Amino acid sequence: MGAVAVVKTMYGKYGKAGDAFTEAQEEADCESGHGDGYSGDINCCDWATPYTGRHPNPSSRNFYNWVWDMAEKMPKRECQYIELPKYYVAKNKPYYLKGKRGVKGYLFFGSAPY
């Protein structure tokens, strides 16, 4: 079996990153099915750990290139996340969260088997 890079951004009123990760996995279950652990989506990742290294500014042009490169280098079933800065969340959150306070954003990236 191979592996595919996975990147998922979640916005919402989450108490912690684990809540956002669980919601991302549930969405992936609905979108791509359970697939016995081989759907190639974030629901195949076992857990998410915080990325503690330096990374480009989310508003910069090369941020998503960096994210995809990192996701492609990760071992299967491993996922990491970055909590997005408040200014970035305020600017990029979905329309149904506009005007709401306490919204957080998490970007999950990893490698999922397919």
N, C-alpha and C. Protein backbone atom coordinates (compact mmCIF):
# COMPACT_ATOMS: atom_id res chain seq x y z
N MET A 1 0.83 -1.18 0.00
CA MET A 1 0.00 0.00 0.00
C MET A 1 0.88 1.25 0.00
N GLY A 2 0.39 2.29 -0.64
CA GLY A 2 1.12 3.54 -0.71
C GLY A 2 0.60 4.53 0.31
N ALA A 3 1.13 5.73 0.21
CA ALA A 3 0.70 6.81 1.11
C ALA A 3 0.50 8.07 0.29
N VAL A 4 -0.38 8.90 0.76
CA VAL A 4 -0.69 10.16 0.08
C VAL A 4 -0.63 11.30 1.11
N ALA A 5 -0.16 12.46 0.67
CA ALA A 5 -0.11 13.63 1.55
C ALA A 5 -1.52 14.16 1.77
N VAL A 6 -1.79 14.55 3.00
CA VAL A 6 -3.11 15.05 3.38
C VAL A 6 -2.94 16.41 4.05
N VAL A 7 -3.73 17.39 3.62
CA VAL A 7 -3.74 18.71 4.25
C VAL A 7 -5.19 19.11 4.47
N LYS A 8 -5.52 19.51 5.68
CA LYS A 8 -6.91 19.87 6.02
C LYS A 8 -6.90 21.06 6.97
N THR A 9 -7.67 22.08 6.65
CA THR A 9 -7.79 23.26 7.51
C THR A 9 -9.17 23.24 8.16
N MET A 10 -9.20 23.45 9.46
CA MET A 10 -10.46 23.44 10.22
C MET A 10 -10.61 24.77 10.95
N TYR A 11 -11.81 25.35 10.85
CA TYR A 11 -12.16 26.57 11.57
C TYR A 11 -13.39 26.29 12.43
N GLY A 12 -13.38 26.77 13.66
CA GLY A 12 -14.54 26.58 14.51
C GLY A 12 -14.24 27.00 15.94
N LYS A 13 -15.23 26.82 16.79
CA LYS A 13 -15.07 27.13 18.21
C LYS A 13 -14.63 25.86 18.92
N TYR A 14 -13.35 25.62 18.88
CA TYR A 14 -12.78 24.40 19.46
C TYR A 14 -12.10 24.74 20.79
N GLY A 15 -12.25 23.84 21.75
CA GLY A 15 -11.56 24.00 23.02
C GLY A 15 -10.08 23.69 22.89
N LYS A 16 -9.76 22.71 22.04
CA LYS A 16 -8.37 22.32 21.83
C LYS A 16 -8.24 21.70 20.44
N ALA A 17 -7.02 21.46 20.03
CA ALA A 17 -6.75 20.93 18.69
C ALA A 17 -7.35 19.53 18.50
N GLY A 18 -7.41 18.76 19.55
CA GLY A 18 -7.97 17.41 19.46
C GLY A 18 -9.43 17.43 19.01
N ASP A 19 -10.18 18.43 19.43
CA ASP A 19 -11.57 18.56 19.01
C ASP A 19 -11.66 18.82 17.51
N ALA A 20 -10.78 19.67 17.01
CA ALA A 20 -10.76 19.97 15.58
C ALA A 20 -10.33 18.75 14.78
N PHE A 21 -9.36 17.99 15.30
CA PHE A 21 -8.88 16.79 14.62
C PHE A 21 -9.98 15.73 14.54
N THR A 22 -10.72 15.56 15.63
CA THR A 22 -11.83 14.60 15.64
C THR A 22 -12.89 15.00 14.62
N GLU A 23 -13.21 16.28 14.54
CA GLU A 23 -14.20 16.75 13.57
C GLU A 23 -13.69 16.53 12.14
N ALA A 24 -12.41 16.78 11.91
CA ALA A 24 -11.83 16.56 10.58
C ALA A 24 -11.92 15.08 10.19
N GLN A 25 -11.66 14.19 11.15
CA GLN A 25 -11.76 12.76 10.87
C GLN A 25 -13.21 12.34 10.57
N GLU A 26 -14.16 12.90 11.31
CA GLU A 26 -15.57 12.58 11.08
C GLU A 26 -16.02 13.08 9.71
N GLU A 27 -15.58 14.28 9.31
CA GLU A 27 -15.90 14.78 7.97
C GLU A 27 -15.31 13.87 6.89
N ALA A 28 -14.09 13.42 7.10
CA ALA A 28 -13.44 12.54 6.13
C ALA A 28 -14.16 11.19 6.04
N ASP A 29 -14.67 10.69 7.17
CA ASP A 29 -15.45 9.45 7.15
C ASP A 29 -16.67 9.60 6.26
N CYS A 30 -17.34 10.74 6.36
CA CYS A 30 -18.54 10.98 5.55
C CYS A 30 -18.20 11.20 4.08
N GLU A 31 -17.10 11.91 3.80
CA GLU A 31 -16.74 12.23 2.43
C GLU A 31 -16.12 11.06 1.67
N SER A 32 -15.19 10.35 2.30
CA SER A 32 -14.46 9.32 1.56
C SER A 32 -14.69 7.91 2.10
N GLY A 33 -15.56 7.77 3.05
CA GLY A 33 -15.87 6.44 3.58
C GLY A 33 -14.83 5.97 4.57
N HIS A 34 -15.15 4.90 5.24
CA HIS A 34 -14.24 4.36 6.25
C HIS A 34 -13.07 3.65 5.60
N GLY A 35 -13.29 2.90 4.54
CA GLY A 35 -12.22 2.29 3.76
C GLY A 35 -11.30 1.37 4.52
N ASP A 36 -11.71 0.83 5.63
CA ASP A 36 -10.88 -0.07 6.43
C ASP A 36 -9.50 0.52 6.71
N GLY A 37 -9.43 1.82 6.93
CA GLY A 37 -8.18 2.47 7.25
C GLY A 37 -7.32 2.82 6.06
N TYR A 38 -7.87 2.71 4.84
CA TYR A 38 -7.08 2.98 3.65
C TYR A 38 -7.82 3.89 2.68
N SER A 39 -8.47 4.92 3.16
CA SER A 39 -9.22 5.81 2.28
C SER A 39 -8.34 6.93 1.72
N GLY A 40 -7.14 7.11 2.24
CA GLY A 40 -6.25 8.17 1.76
C GLY A 40 -6.66 9.55 2.23
N ASP A 41 -7.36 9.61 3.35
CA ASP A 41 -7.78 10.90 3.89
C ASP A 41 -7.33 10.99 5.34
N ILE A 42 -7.63 12.10 6.00
CA ILE A 42 -7.13 12.35 7.36
C ILE A 42 -7.70 11.35 8.37
N ASN A 43 -8.80 10.69 8.04
CA ASN A 43 -9.35 9.71 8.96
C ASN A 43 -8.46 8.48 9.10
N CYS A 44 -7.46 8.33 8.23
CA CYS A 44 -6.50 7.22 8.33
C CYS A 44 -5.35 7.54 9.28
N CYS A 45 -5.21 8.79 9.66
CA CYS A 45 -4.15 9.18 10.60
C CYS A 45 -4.59 8.85 12.02
N ASP A 46 -3.68 8.34 12.81
CA ASP A 46 -4.03 7.90 14.15
C ASP A 46 -4.19 9.06 15.14
N TRP A 47 -3.33 10.06 15.06
CA TRP A 47 -3.38 11.18 15.98
C TRP A 47 -2.68 12.37 15.34
N ALA A 48 -2.77 13.51 15.98
CA ALA A 48 -2.09 14.72 15.50
C ALA A 48 -1.27 15.31 16.63
N THR A 49 -0.03 15.63 16.33
CA THR A 49 0.84 16.26 17.30
C THR A 49 1.16 17.68 16.83
N PRO A 50 1.43 18.59 17.75
CA PRO A 50 1.74 19.96 17.32
C PRO A 50 3.09 20.03 16.62
N TYR A 51 3.17 20.83 15.58
CA TYR A 51 4.44 21.08 14.92
C TYR A 51 5.14 22.17 15.71
N THR A 52 6.35 21.87 16.18
CA THR A 52 7.04 22.80 17.07
C THR A 52 8.18 23.55 16.39
N GLY A 53 8.51 23.20 15.16
CA GLY A 53 9.59 23.88 14.46
C GLY A 53 9.15 25.22 13.87
N ARG A 54 10.08 25.86 13.20
CA ARG A 54 9.77 27.12 12.52
C ARG A 54 9.06 26.82 11.21
N HIS A 55 8.16 27.69 10.85
CA HIS A 55 7.45 27.54 9.58
C HIS A 55 7.20 28.92 8.99
N PRO A 56 6.96 28.99 7.67
CA PRO A 56 6.68 30.28 7.04
C PRO A 56 5.38 30.89 7.58
N ASN A 57 5.25 32.16 7.42
CA ASN A 57 4.03 32.88 7.79
C ASN A 57 2.88 32.34 6.93
N PRO A 58 1.72 32.04 7.52
CA PRO A 58 0.59 31.52 6.73
C PRO A 58 0.14 32.45 5.61
N SER A 59 0.43 33.74 5.72
CA SER A 59 0.04 34.67 4.66
C SER A 59 1.04 34.72 3.51
N SER A 60 2.19 34.08 3.68
CA SER A 60 3.22 34.15 2.64
C SER A 60 2.89 33.21 1.48
N ARG A 61 3.48 33.49 0.35
CA ARG A 61 3.21 32.72 -0.87
C ARG A 61 3.69 31.28 -0.78
N ASN A 62 4.78 31.06 -0.07
CA ASN A 62 5.35 29.71 -0.04
C ASN A 62 4.87 28.86 1.12
N PHE A 63 3.90 29.35 1.91
CA PHE A 63 3.43 28.58 3.07
C PHE A 63 2.84 27.23 2.66
N TYR A 64 1.92 27.22 1.71
CA TYR A 64 1.28 25.95 1.35
C TYR A 64 2.24 25.02 0.62
N ASN A 65 3.22 25.55 -0.11
CA ASN A 65 4.25 24.70 -0.69
C ASN A 65 5.04 24.00 0.42
N TRP A 66 5.36 24.75 1.47
CA TRP A 66 6.07 24.18 2.61
C TRP A 66 5.22 23.10 3.28
N VAL A 67 3.93 23.37 3.47
CA VAL A 67 3.03 22.41 4.12
C VAL A 67 2.98 21.10 3.32
N TRP A 68 2.80 21.20 2.00
CA TRP A 68 2.72 19.99 1.18
C TRP A 68 4.04 19.22 1.20
N ASP A 69 5.16 19.93 1.18
CA ASP A 69 6.46 19.27 1.26
C ASP A 69 6.60 18.52 2.58
N MET A 70 6.20 19.15 3.66
CA MET A 70 6.27 18.49 4.98
C MET A 70 5.36 17.27 5.03
N ALA A 71 4.15 17.39 4.49
CA ALA A 71 3.21 16.27 4.51
C ALA A 71 3.74 15.09 3.70
N GLU A 72 4.39 15.35 2.59
CA GLU A 72 4.92 14.27 1.76
C GLU A 72 6.09 13.54 2.41
N LYS A 73 6.80 14.20 3.30
CA LYS A 73 7.96 13.60 3.96
C LYS A 73 7.61 12.80 5.21
N MET A 74 6.38 12.91 5.68
CA MET A 74 6.01 12.27 6.95
C MET A 74 5.76 10.77 6.77
N PRO A 75 5.99 9.99 7.83
CA PRO A 75 5.68 8.56 7.78
C PRO A 75 4.16 8.34 7.71
N LYS A 76 3.77 7.17 7.22
CA LYS A 76 2.35 6.84 7.11
C LYS A 76 1.65 6.97 8.45
N ARG A 77 0.41 7.42 8.38
CA ARG A 77 -0.49 7.55 9.53
C ARG A 77 -0.05 8.60 10.55
N GLU A 78 0.93 9.41 10.23
CA GLU A 78 1.36 10.45 11.15
C GLU A 78 0.80 11.79 10.68
N CYS A 79 0.39 12.60 11.64
CA CYS A 79 -0.20 13.90 11.33
C CYS A 79 0.28 14.93 12.34
N GLN A 80 0.54 16.14 11.87
CA GLN A 80 0.90 17.24 12.75
C GLN A 80 -0.02 18.42 12.45
N TYR A 81 -0.02 19.39 13.35
CA TYR A 81 -0.88 20.56 13.12
C TYR A 81 -0.19 21.84 13.54
N ILE A 82 -0.70 22.92 12.98
CA ILE A 82 -0.28 24.27 13.33
C ILE A 82 -1.54 25.03 13.69
N GLU A 83 -1.52 25.71 14.84
CA GLU A 83 -2.64 26.59 15.17
C GLU A 83 -2.42 27.90 14.41
N LEU A 84 -3.39 28.25 13.60
CA LEU A 84 -3.25 29.44 12.75
C LEU A 84 -3.40 30.71 13.59
N PRO A 85 -2.64 31.76 13.26
CA PRO A 85 -2.72 33.01 14.03
C PRO A 85 -4.10 33.66 13.92
N LYS A 86 -4.46 34.41 14.94
CA LYS A 86 -5.79 35.04 14.99
C LYS A 86 -6.07 35.95 13.80
N TYR A 87 -5.07 36.73 13.36
CA TYR A 87 -5.30 37.63 12.23
C TYR A 87 -5.62 36.82 10.97
N TYR A 88 -4.98 35.66 10.81
CA TYR A 88 -5.21 34.82 9.62
C TYR A 88 -6.61 34.19 9.69
N VAL A 89 -7.01 33.75 10.87
CA VAL A 89 -8.34 33.15 11.05
C VAL A 89 -9.42 34.19 10.79
N ALA A 90 -9.25 35.39 11.31
CA ALA A 90 -10.25 36.45 11.12
C ALA A 90 -10.43 36.77 9.64
N LYS A 91 -9.37 36.71 8.88
CA LYS A 91 -9.42 37.04 7.46
C LYS A 91 -9.94 35.89 6.60
N ASN A 92 -9.71 34.64 7.00
CA ASN A 92 -9.99 33.49 6.14
C ASN A 92 -11.07 32.54 6.62
N LYS A 93 -11.70 32.81 7.74
CA LYS A 93 -12.72 31.87 8.23
C LYS A 93 -13.93 31.85 7.30
N PRO A 94 -14.66 30.74 7.27
CA PRO A 94 -15.83 30.62 6.39
C PRO A 94 -16.92 31.64 6.72
N TYR A 95 -17.78 31.87 5.75
CA TYR A 95 -18.83 32.89 5.89
C TYR A 95 -19.75 32.63 7.08
N TYR A 96 -20.01 31.35 7.38
CA TYR A 96 -20.95 31.05 8.48
C TYR A 96 -20.34 31.32 9.86
N LEU A 97 -19.03 31.61 9.91
CA LEU A 97 -18.39 31.96 11.17
C LEU A 97 -18.06 33.45 11.27
N LYS A 98 -18.37 34.20 10.23
CA LYS A 98 -18.09 35.64 10.25
C LYS A 98 -18.90 36.30 11.36
N GLY A 99 -18.27 37.18 12.10
CA GLY A 99 -18.93 37.87 13.19
C GLY A 99 -18.93 37.10 14.50
N LYS A 100 -18.49 35.86 14.48
CA LYS A 100 -18.43 35.06 15.71
C LYS A 100 -17.09 35.26 16.38
N ARG A 101 -17.10 35.28 17.70
CA ARG A 101 -15.87 35.42 18.47
C ARG A 101 -15.40 34.05 18.95
N GLY A 102 -14.12 33.96 19.24
CA GLY A 102 -13.56 32.74 19.78
C GLY A 102 -13.31 31.65 18.75
N VAL A 103 -13.30 32.01 17.48
CA VAL A 103 -13.06 31.03 16.42
C VAL A 103 -11.56 30.76 16.32
N LYS A 104 -11.20 29.48 16.25
CA LYS A 104 -9.81 29.08 16.10
C LYS A 104 -9.64 28.37 14.76
N GLY A 105 -8.43 28.37 14.29
CA GLY A 105 -8.12 27.68 13.05
C GLY A 105 -6.92 26.77 13.23
N TYR A 106 -7.04 25.55 12.70
CA TYR A 106 -5.95 24.58 12.76
C TYR A 106 -5.70 24.05 11.36
N LEU A 107 -4.44 23.91 11.02
CA LEU A 107 -4.06 23.30 9.75
C LEU A 107 -3.38 21.98 10.07
N PHE A 108 -3.99 20.89 9.61
CA PHE A 108 -3.46 19.56 9.83
C PHE A 108 -2.77 19.09 8.54
N PHE A 109 -1.62 18.46 8.68
CA PHE A 109 -0.93 17.91 7.52
C PHE A 109 -0.26 16.61 7.93
N GLY A 110 -0.28 15.66 7.00
CA GLY A 110 0.30 14.37 7.32
C GLY A 110 0.30 13.45 6.11
N SER A 111 0.47 12.17 6.40
CA SER A 111 0.55 11.15 5.36
C SER A 111 -0.43 10.03 5.70
N ALA A 112 -1.32 9.71 4.77
CA ALA A 112 -2.35 8.70 5.01
C ALA A 112 -2.20 7.57 4.00
N PRO A 113 -2.39 6.34 4.44
CA PRO A 113 -2.33 5.21 3.50
C PRO A 113 -3.56 5.16 2.61
N TYR A 114 -3.39 4.62 1.43
CA TYR A 114 -4.52 4.45 0.51
C TYR A 114 -4.49 3.08 -0.11
